[in-house]
C-alpha atoms as a PDB file:
ATOM      1  CA  MET A   1      -0.389  -0.134   0.192  1.00  0.00           C
ATOM      2  CA  HIS A   2       2.292   2.714   1.157  1.00  0.00           C
ATOM      3  CA  ARG A   3       4.732   1.772  -2.447  1.00  0.00           C
ATOM      4  CA  THR A   4       1.798   2.400  -4.448  1.00  0.00           C
ATOM      5  CA  ALA A   5       0.541   5.871  -2.363  1.00  0.00           C
ATOM      6  CA  ASN A   6       4.635   6.525  -2.149  1.00  0.00           C
ATOM      7  CA  ALA A   7       4.872   6.447  -6.256  1.00  0.00           C
ATOM      8  CA  VAL A   8       1.716   8.790  -6.692  1.00  0.00           C
ATOM      9  CA  SER A   9       3.614  11.002  -3.860  1.00  0.00           C
ATOM     10  CA  CYS A  10       6.577  11.753  -5.689  1.00  0.00           C
ATOM     11  CA  TYR A  11       4.955  12.844  -8.441  1.00  0.00           C
ATOM     12  CA  VAL A  12       3.511  15.646  -6.943  1.00  0.00           C
ATOM     13  CA  ASP A  13       6.034  16.484  -4.588  1.00  0.00           C
ATOM     14  CA  ARG A  14       8.634  16.209  -8.145  1.00  0.00           C
ATOM     15  CA  ASP A  15       9.208  20.010  -8.021  1.00  0.00           C
ATOM     16  CA  ILE A  16      10.039  20.214  -4.403  1.00  0.00           C
ATOM     17  CA  ASP A  17      11.864  16.975  -4.480  1.00  0.00           C
ATOM     18  CA  ALA A  18      14.045  18.028  -6.926  1.00  0.00           C
ATOM     19  CA  VAL A  19      15.809  21.493  -4.811  1.00  0.00           C
ATOM     20  CA  MET A  20      15.889  19.719  -1.457  1.00  0.00           C
ATOM     21  CA  GLY A  21      19.211  17.959  -1.519  1.00  0.00           C
ATOM     22  CA  ARG A  22      17.966  14.711   0.992  1.00  0.00           C
ATOM     23  CA  THR A  23      15.571  14.016  -2.185  1.00  0.00           C
ATOM     24  CA  SER A  24      17.537  15.188  -5.541  1.00  0.00           C
ATOM     25  CA  HIS A  25      18.449  11.826  -6.074  1.00  0.00           C
ATOM     26  CA  ARG A  26      14.845   9.510  -6.525  1.00  0.00           C
ATOM     27  CA  PRO A  27      14.242   8.795  -9.738  1.00  0.00           C
ATOM     28  CA  ILE A  28      12.033  11.406 -10.711  1.00  0.00           C
ATOM     29  CA  PRO A  29      14.148  14.527 -10.255  1.00  0.00           C
ATOM     30  CA  SER A  30      17.365  12.374 -11.052  1.00  0.00           C
ATOM     31  CA  GLY A  31      16.111  11.584 -14.208  1.00  0.00           C
ATOM     32  CA  ARG A  32      15.434   8.262 -14.069  1.00  0.00           C
ATOM     33  CA  ILE A  33      12.145   8.050 -14.863  1.00  0.00           C
ATOM     34  CA  TYR A  34      11.322  10.481 -17.481  1.00  0.00           C
ATOM     35  CA  PRO A  35       8.536  12.034 -18.453  1.00  0.00           C
ATOM     36  CA  PRO A  36       7.607  12.510 -14.689  1.00  0.00           C
ATOM     37  CA  VAL A  37       4.071  10.921 -15.601  1.00  0.00           C
ATOM     38  CA  ARG A  38       5.093   7.786 -16.106  1.00  0.00           C
ATOM     39  CA  ALA A  39       5.721   7.305 -12.694  1.00  0.00           C
ATOM     40  CA  LEU A  40       2.093   8.604 -11.917  1.00  0.00           C
ATOM     41  CA  TYR A  41       0.429   6.326 -14.246  1.00  0.00           C
ATOM     42  CA  TRP A  42       2.111   3.531 -13.007  1.00  0.00           C
ATOM     43  CA  GLY A  43       1.020   4.273  -9.163  1.00  0.00           C
ATOM     44  CA  LEU A  44      -2.121   3.935 -10.516  1.00  0.00           C
ATOM     45  CA  ALA A  45      -1.811   1.022 -12.627  1.00  0.00           C
ATOM     46  CA  LEU A  46      -0.608  -0.522  -9.251  1.00  0.00           C
ATOM     47  CA  PHE A  47      -3.118   1.287  -6.994  1.00  0.00           C
ATOM     48  CA  ALA A  48      -6.314  -0.405  -9.020  1.00  0.00           C
ATOM     49  CA  ALA A  49      -4.441  -3.750  -8.963  1.00  0.00           C
ATOM     50  CA  SER A  50      -4.376  -3.504  -5.101  1.00  0.00           C
ATOM     51  CA  LEU A  51      -8.033  -2.817  -5.075  1.00  0.00           C
ATOM     52  CA  ALA A  52      -8.663  -5.226  -7.294  1.00  0.00           C
ATOM     53  CA  PHE A  53      -7.206  -7.606  -4.967  1.00  0.00           C
ATOM     54  CA  ALA A  54      -8.772  -6.149  -1.766  1.00  0.00           C
ATOM     55  CA  TRP A  55     -11.699  -6.459  -2.899  1.00  0.00           C
ATOM     56  CA  SER A  56     -11.005 -10.547  -3.630  1.00  0.00           C
ATOM     57  CA  LEU A  57     -10.046 -10.650   0.150  1.00  0.00           C
ATOM     58  CA  ASN A  58     -12.664  -8.661   1.609  1.00  0.00           C
ATOM     59  CA  PHE A  59     -14.854  -5.537   2.329  1.00  0.00           C
ATOM     60  CA  ALA A  60     -13.125  -4.161   5.270  1.00  0.00           C
ATOM     61  CA  ALA A  61      -9.649  -5.084   3.248  1.00  0.00           C
ATOM     62  CA  TRP A  62     -10.542  -2.821   0.632  1.00  0.00           C
ATOM     63  CA  LEU A  63     -11.752  -0.178   2.682  1.00  0.00           C
ATOM     64  CA  CYS A  64      -8.584   0.271   4.193  1.00  0.00           C
ATOM     65  CA  LEU A  65      -6.757  -0.278   1.251  1.00  0.00           C
ATOM     66  CA  TRP A  66      -8.949   3.079  -0.428  1.00  0.00           C
ATOM     67  CA  GLY A  67      -8.502   4.908   3.049  1.00  0.00           C
ATOM     68  CA  GLY A  68      -4.573   4.716   2.866  1.00  0.00           C
ATOM     69  CA  MET A  69      -4.004   6.246  -0.268  1.00  0.00           C
ATOM     70  CA  LEU A  70      -6.907   8.952   0.191  1.00  0.00           C
ATOM     71  CA  GLY A  71      -5.403   9.724   3.008  1.00  0.00           C
ATOM     72  CA  TYR A  72      -1.004   9.342   2.028  1.00  0.00           C
ATOM     73  CA  VAL A  73      -2.387  10.906  -1.316  1.00  0.00           C
ATOM     74  CA  GLY A  74      -5.050  13.806  -0.812  1.00  0.00           C
ATOM     75  CA  ILE A  75      -5.125  14.387   3.041  1.00  0.00           C
ATOM     76  CA  TYR A  76      -0.937  14.397   3.267  1.00  0.00           C
ATOM     77  CA  SER A  77       0.886  15.502  -0.386  1.00  0.00           C
ATOM     78  CA  LEU A  78      -2.293  17.466  -1.995  1.00  0.00           C
ATOM     79  CA  TRP A  79      -3.667  18.856   1.093  1.00  0.00           C
ATOM     80  CA  LEU A  80      -1.904  19.634   3.991  1.00  0.00           C
ATOM     81  CA  LYS A  81       1.867  18.828   3.276  1.00  0.00           C
ATOM     82  CA  ARG A  82       2.786  22.679   2.148  1.00  0.00           C
ATOM     83  CA  ARG A  83      -0.157  24.528   3.778  1.00  0.00           C
ATOM     84  CA  SER A  84      -0.356  23.138   7.916  1.00  0.00           C
ATOM     85  CA  THR A  85       1.934  22.078  10.803  1.00  0.00           C
ATOM     86  CA  TRP A  86      -0.629  19.596  11.199  1.00  0.00           C
ATOM     87  CA  ASN A  87       0.995  17.537   7.759  1.00  0.00           C
ATOM     88  CA  ILE A  88       2.221  15.036   9.317  1.00  0.00           C
ATOM     89  CA  ILE A  89      -0.692  14.567  12.522  1.00  0.00           C
ATOM     90  CA  LEU A  90      -3.794  14.675  10.587  1.00  0.00           C
ATOM     91  CA  GLY A  91      -1.604  12.938   7.272  1.00  0.00           C
ATOM     92  CA  GLY A  92      -0.184  10.092   9.570  1.00  0.00           C
ATOM     93  CA  PHE A  93      -3.332   8.676  10.388  1.00  0.00           C
ATOM     94  CA  SER A  94      -2.679   7.136   6.604  1.00  0.00           C
ATOM     95  CA  GLY A  95      -0.193   5.228   8.024  1.00  0.00           C
ATOM     96  CA  GLY A  96      -1.913   3.004  10.350  1.00  0.00           C
ATOM     97  CA  LEU A  97      -3.646   1.643   7.707  1.00  0.00           C
ATOM     98  CA  PRO A  98      -1.173  -1.179   6.110  1.00  0.00           C
ATOM     99  CA  ALA A  99      -1.532  -2.374   9.769  1.00  0.00           C
ATOM    100  CA  LEU A 100      -4.989  -2.746   9.566  1.00  0.00           C
ATOM    101  CA  PHE A 101      -5.241  -3.808   5.963  1.00  0.00           C
ATOM    102  CA  GLY A 102      -3.047  -6.463   6.756  1.00  0.00           C
ATOM    103  CA  TRP A 103      -5.087  -7.845  10.011  1.00  0.00           C
ATOM    104  CA  ALA A 104      -8.294  -7.224   8.013  1.00  0.00           C
ATOM    105  CA  ALA A 105      -7.209  -9.261   5.076  1.00  0.00           C
ATOM    106  CA  VAL A 106      -6.745 -12.355   7.805  1.00  0.00           C
ATOM    107  CA  THR A 107      -9.202 -11.446   9.553  1.00  0.00           C
ATOM    108  CA  GLY A 108     -12.164 -10.101   7.714  1.00  0.00           C
ATOM    109  CA  SER A 109     -12.651  -7.408  10.686  1.00  0.00           C
ATOM    110  CA  VAL A 110     -10.935  -5.126  12.648  1.00  0.00           C
ATOM    111  CA  ASN A 111     -10.942  -5.239  16.661  1.00  0.00           C
ATOM    112  CA  LEU A 112      -9.197  -2.979  19.560  1.00  0.00           C
ATOM    113  CA  LEU A 113      -5.754  -4.420  19.070  1.00  0.00           C
ATOM    114  CA  SER A 114      -5.581  -4.155  15.210  1.00  0.00           C
ATOM    115  CA  LEU A 115      -6.195  -0.512  16.223  1.00  0.00           C
ATOM    116  CA  LEU A 116      -3.763   0.225  18.730  1.00  0.00           C
ATOM    117  CA  VAL A 117      -1.120  -1.634  16.028  1.00  0.00           C
ATOM    118  CA  ALA A 118      -2.399   0.770  13.931  1.00  0.00           C
ATOM    119  CA  ALA A 119      -2.017   3.782  16.463  1.00  0.00           C
ATOM    120  CA  LEU A 120       1.464   2.526  17.674  1.00  0.00           C
ATOM    121  CA  VAL A 121       2.257   3.535  13.665  1.00  0.00           C
ATOM    122  CA  VAL A 122       0.120   6.608  13.534  1.00  0.00           C
ATOM    123  CA  LEU A 123       2.183   7.873  16.358  1.00  0.00           C
ATOM    124  CA  TRP A 124       5.740   6.903  15.538  1.00  0.00           C
ATOM    125  CA  ILE A 125       5.178   8.817  12.616  1.00  0.00           C
ATOM    126  CA  PRO A 126       5.547  12.177  13.684  1.00  0.00           C
ATOM    127  CA  ASN A 127       9.277  11.215  15.821  1.00  0.00           C
ATOM    128  CA  HIS A 128      10.434   9.868  13.119  1.00  0.00           C
ATOM    129  CA  ILE A 129       9.184  13.019  10.471  1.00  0.00           C
ATOM    130  CA  TRP A 130      10.137  15.758  12.654  1.00  0.00           C
ATOM    131  CA  SER A 131      13.530  14.160  13.564  1.00  0.00           C
ATOM    132  CA  LEU A 132      14.534  14.262   9.906  1.00  0.00           C
ATOM    133  CA  ALA A 133      12.806  18.029   9.501  1.00  0.00           C
ATOM    134  CA  PHE A 134      15.123  19.502  12.610  1.00  0.00           C
ATOM    135  CA  PHE A 135      18.044  17.880  11.198  1.00  0.00           C
ATOM    136  CA  TYR A 136      16.817  19.265   7.440  1.00  0.00           C
ATOM    137  CA  ARG A 137      15.151  21.978   8.670  1.00  0.00           C
ATOM    138  CA  ASP A 138      17.285  24.639   6.431  1.00  0.00           C
ATOM    139  CA  GLU A 139      15.752  22.377   3.178  1.00  0.00           C
ATOM    140  CA  TYR A 140      12.328  22.305   4.283  1.00  0.00           C
ATOM    141  CA  ALA A 141      12.307  26.063   4.914  1.00  0.00           C
ATOM    142  CA  ARG A 142      13.988  26.105   1.403  1.00  0.00           C
ATOM    143  CA  VAL A 143      10.713  24.526  -0.052  1.00  0.00           C
ATOM    144  CA  LYS A 144       8.631  26.330   2.409  1.00  0.00           C
ATOM    145  CA  VAL A 145       7.038  22.970   3.305  1.00  0.00           C
ATOM    146  CA  PRO A 146       5.716  24.407   6.315  1.00  0.00           C
ATOM    147  CA  MET A 147       6.867  20.789   9.275  1.00  0.00           C
ATOM    148  CA  LEU A 148       6.763  21.705  12.605  1.00  0.00           C
ATOM    149  CA  PRO A 149      10.788  21.840  13.621  1.00  0.00           C
ATOM    150  CA  VAL A 150      10.560  24.396  10.602  1.00  0.00           C
ATOM    151  CA  VAL A 151       7.976  27.120  11.530  1.00  0.00           C
ATOM    152  CA  THR A 152       8.460  27.302  15.323  1.00  0.00           C
ATOM    153  CA  GLU A 153      11.126  27.432  18.268  1.00  0.00           C
ATOM    154  CA  PRO A 154      12.900  23.984  18.304  1.00  0.00           C
ATOM    155  CA  LYS A 155      11.892  23.800  22.058  1.00  0.00           C
ATOM    156  CA  LYS A 156       8.277  24.011  21.256  1.00  0.00           C
ATOM    157  CA  ALA A 157       8.653  21.247  18.453  1.00  0.00           C
ATOM    158  CA  LEU A 158      11.185  18.652  20.332  1.00  0.00           C
ATOM    159  CA  HIS A 159       8.239  18.902  23.508  1.00  0.00           C
ATOM    160  CA  CYS A 160       5.885  18.144  20.645  1.00  0.00           C
ATOM    161  CA  LEU A 161       8.272  15.325  19.385  1.00  0.00           C
ATOM    162  CA  LEU A 162       8.509  14.342  23.172  1.00  0.00           C
ATOM    163  CA  MET A 163       4.760  13.520  23.474  1.00  0.00           C
ATOM    164  CA  THR A 164       4.562  11.771  20.991  1.00  0.00           C
ATOM    165  CA  VAL A 165       7.456   9.090  21.516  1.00  0.00           C
ATOM    166  CA  ILE A 166       5.885   9.021  25.142  1.00  0.00           C
ATOM    167  CA  LEU A 167       2.465   7.979  23.735  1.00  0.00           C
ATOM    168  CA  MET A 168       4.194   5.263  21.676  1.00  0.00           C
ATOM    169  CA  ALA A 169       5.983   4.210  24.358  1.00  0.00           C
ATOM    170  CA  LEU A 170       2.935   3.372  26.215  1.00  0.00           C
ATOM    171  CA  VAL A 171       0.556   2.354  23.290  1.00  0.00           C
ATOM    172  CA  SER A 172       3.312  -0.231  22.156  1.00  0.00           C
ATOM    173  CA  VAL A 173       3.254  -1.749  26.097  1.00  0.00           C
ATOM    174  CA  GLY A 174      -0.404  -1.198  26.229  1.00  0.00           C
ATOM    175  CA  ILE A 175      -0.713  -3.946  22.930  1.00  0.00           C
ATOM    176  CA  TYR A 176       0.961  -6.549  25.115  1.00  0.00           C
ATOM    177  CA  PHE A 177      -1.983  -6.547  27.819  1.00  0.00           C
ATOM    178  CA  THR A 178      -4.770  -5.982  24.739  1.00  0.00           C
ATOM    179  CA  GLY A 179      -3.355  -9.162  22.771  1.00  0.00           C
ATOM    180  CA  ASP A 180      -1.816 -12.602  23.950  1.00  0.00           C
ATOM    181  CA  TRP A 181       1.740 -11.629  23.624  1.00  0.00           C
ATOM    182  CA  GLY A 182       4.641 -13.722  25.614  1.00  0.00           C
ATOM    183  CA  ALA A 183       7.239 -12.144  27.439  1.00  0.00           C
ATOM    184  CA  LEU A 184       9.547 -11.550  24.706  1.00  0.00           C
ATOM    185  CA  TYR A 185       7.528  -9.046  22.939  1.00  0.00           C
ATOM    186  CA  LEU A 186       7.260  -7.048  26.577  1.00  0.00           C
ATOM    187  CA  VAL A 187      10.547  -7.148  27.021  1.00  0.00           C
ATOM    188  CA  THR A 188      11.472  -5.608  23.651  1.00  0.00           C
ATOM    189  CA  ALA A 189       8.759  -3.058  23.511  1.00  0.00           C
ATOM    190  CA  VAL A 190      10.016  -1.639  26.716  1.00  0.00           C
ATOM    191  CA  ILE A 191      13.770  -1.953  25.945  1.00  0.00           C
ATOM    192  CA  LEU A 192      12.594   0.132  22.626  1.00  0.00           C
ATOM    193  CA  GLY A 193      10.660   2.543  24.271  1.00  0.00           C
ATOM    194  CA  LEU A 194      13.057   3.369  27.383  1.00  0.00           C
ATOM    195  CA  ALA A 195      15.540   3.621  23.849  1.00  0.00           C
ATOM    196  CA  ALA A 196      13.434   5.861  21.977  1.00  0.00           C
ATOM    197  CA  LEU A 197      12.372   7.979  25.162  1.00  0.00           C
ATOM    198  CA  ALA A 198      15.777   8.395  26.423  1.00  0.00           C
ATOM    199  CA  LEU A 199      17.141  10.057  22.648  1.00  0.00           C
ATOM    200  CA  SER A 200      13.554  12.251  22.475  1.00  0.00           C
ATOM    201  CA  VAL A 201      14.748  13.694  26.075  1.00  0.00           C
ATOM    202  CA  ASN A 202      18.312  13.776  24.999  1.00  0.00           C
ATOM    203  CA  VAL A 203      17.347  15.982  21.723  1.00  0.00           C
ATOM    204  CA  TYR A 204      14.550  18.336  23.894  1.00  0.00           C
ATOM    205  CA  LEU A 205      17.391  18.533  26.679  1.00  0.00           C
ATOM    206  CA  ASN A 206      20.437  19.557  23.732  1.00  0.00           C
ATOM    207  CA  PRO A 207      18.666  20.727  20.585  1.00  0.00           C
ATOM    208  CA  ALA A 208      21.050  19.859  18.145  1.00  0.00           C
ATOM    209  CA  PRO A 209      20.695  18.406  14.693  1.00  0.00           C
ATOM    210  CA  GLN A 210      22.849  15.398  15.059  1.00  0.00           C
ATOM    211  CA  LYS A 211      21.190  14.359  17.952  1.00  0.00           C
ATOM    212  CA  ALA A 212      17.739  14.260  16.237  1.00  0.00           C
ATOM    213  CA  TRP A 213      19.647  12.849  13.334  1.00  0.00           C
ATOM    214  CA  LEU A 214      19.895  10.317  16.308  1.00  0.00           C
ATOM    215  CA  LEU A 215      16.517  10.035  16.656  1.00  0.00           C
ATOM    216  CA  PHE A 216      15.705   9.407  13.029  1.00  0.00           C
ATOM    217  CA  LYS A 217      17.899   6.620  12.577  1.00  0.00           C
ATOM    218  CA  PHE A 218      16.689   4.774  15.111  1.00  0.00           C
ATOM    219  CA  SER A 219      13.361   5.346  14.675  1.00  0.00           C
ATOM    220  CA  SER A 220      12.938   3.255  11.325  1.00  0.00           C
ATOM    221  CA  PRO A 221      14.656   0.207  13.518  1.00  0.00           C
ATOM    222  CA  TYR A 222      12.536   0.835  16.815  1.00  0.00           C
ATOM    223  CA  LEU A 223       9.550  -0.307  14.555  1.00  0.00           C
ATOM    224  CA  GLY A 224      10.436  -2.816  12.288  1.00  0.00           C
ATOM    225  CA  ILE A 225      12.458  -4.520  15.903  1.00  0.00           C
ATOM    226  CA  LEU A 226       8.772  -4.052  17.226  1.00  0.00           C
ATOM    227  CA  PHE A 227       6.897  -6.093  14.415  1.00  0.00           C
ATOM    228  CA  LEU A 228       9.100  -8.639  14.374  1.00  0.00           C
ATOM    229  CA  ALA A 229       9.250  -9.553  18.060  1.00  0.00           C
ATOM    230  CA  MET A 230       5.269  -9.642  17.823  1.00  0.00           C
ATOM    231  CA  MET A 231       5.976 -12.070  15.171  1.00  0.00           C
ATOM    232  CA  ILE A 232       8.088 -14.232  16.846  1.00  0.00           C
ATOM    233  CA  ASP A 233       6.230 -14.304  20.495  1.00  0.00           C
ATOM    234  CA  ALA A 234       3.032 -15.422  18.514  1.00  0.00           C
ATOM    235  CA  TRP A 235       5.255 -17.701  16.863  1.00  0.00           C
ATOM    236  CA  LEU A 236       6.453 -19.448  19.355  1.00  0.00           C
END
């Protein structure tokens, strides 16, 4: 789901991607996909194929797929990304829908546990994106994308980031009490949560770009390891 939406989103953001050093190597601004509209056609074709596949599974999975595409491309990329500091908060809800899609694809429905797993991803997104935006503050300012660390004072932005990390860590533990998990998942969630909190507090107390970069680099394996722990724990 994410790759399909991302193909369309990269087409939408091709102008600012070409200006930002972090994204200038992407296939469209680097010229590896030319003309750029090919990325749009490919993304829409993948989305149509994904919708057909989801419909063959069940209606709940089909709705999750629609919601993910509309949220990521429609709400985030087309509407809020260049207009509001709420871009990541409101647009980030689509980030939890791939988890809901996977759950609905297998069970045919959505329950409290699946909503908590989706909420974990939604709360992870501000930590992931705001730490990156703090490090690349000048680049986001140059293309006038109003990420929170770009348009407000660092302490305020990092306070908001810290609050989302606290909520993320709490939800990760809440998943243990809601689902049928063992000690492996709980220990992993607690250790990773404490590490994320420590890195976030460190950035908050010492707002240096390199510390924000360290938090960003930690955020990707955080989610991967946590989901891996879920799978191994369920298998055991």
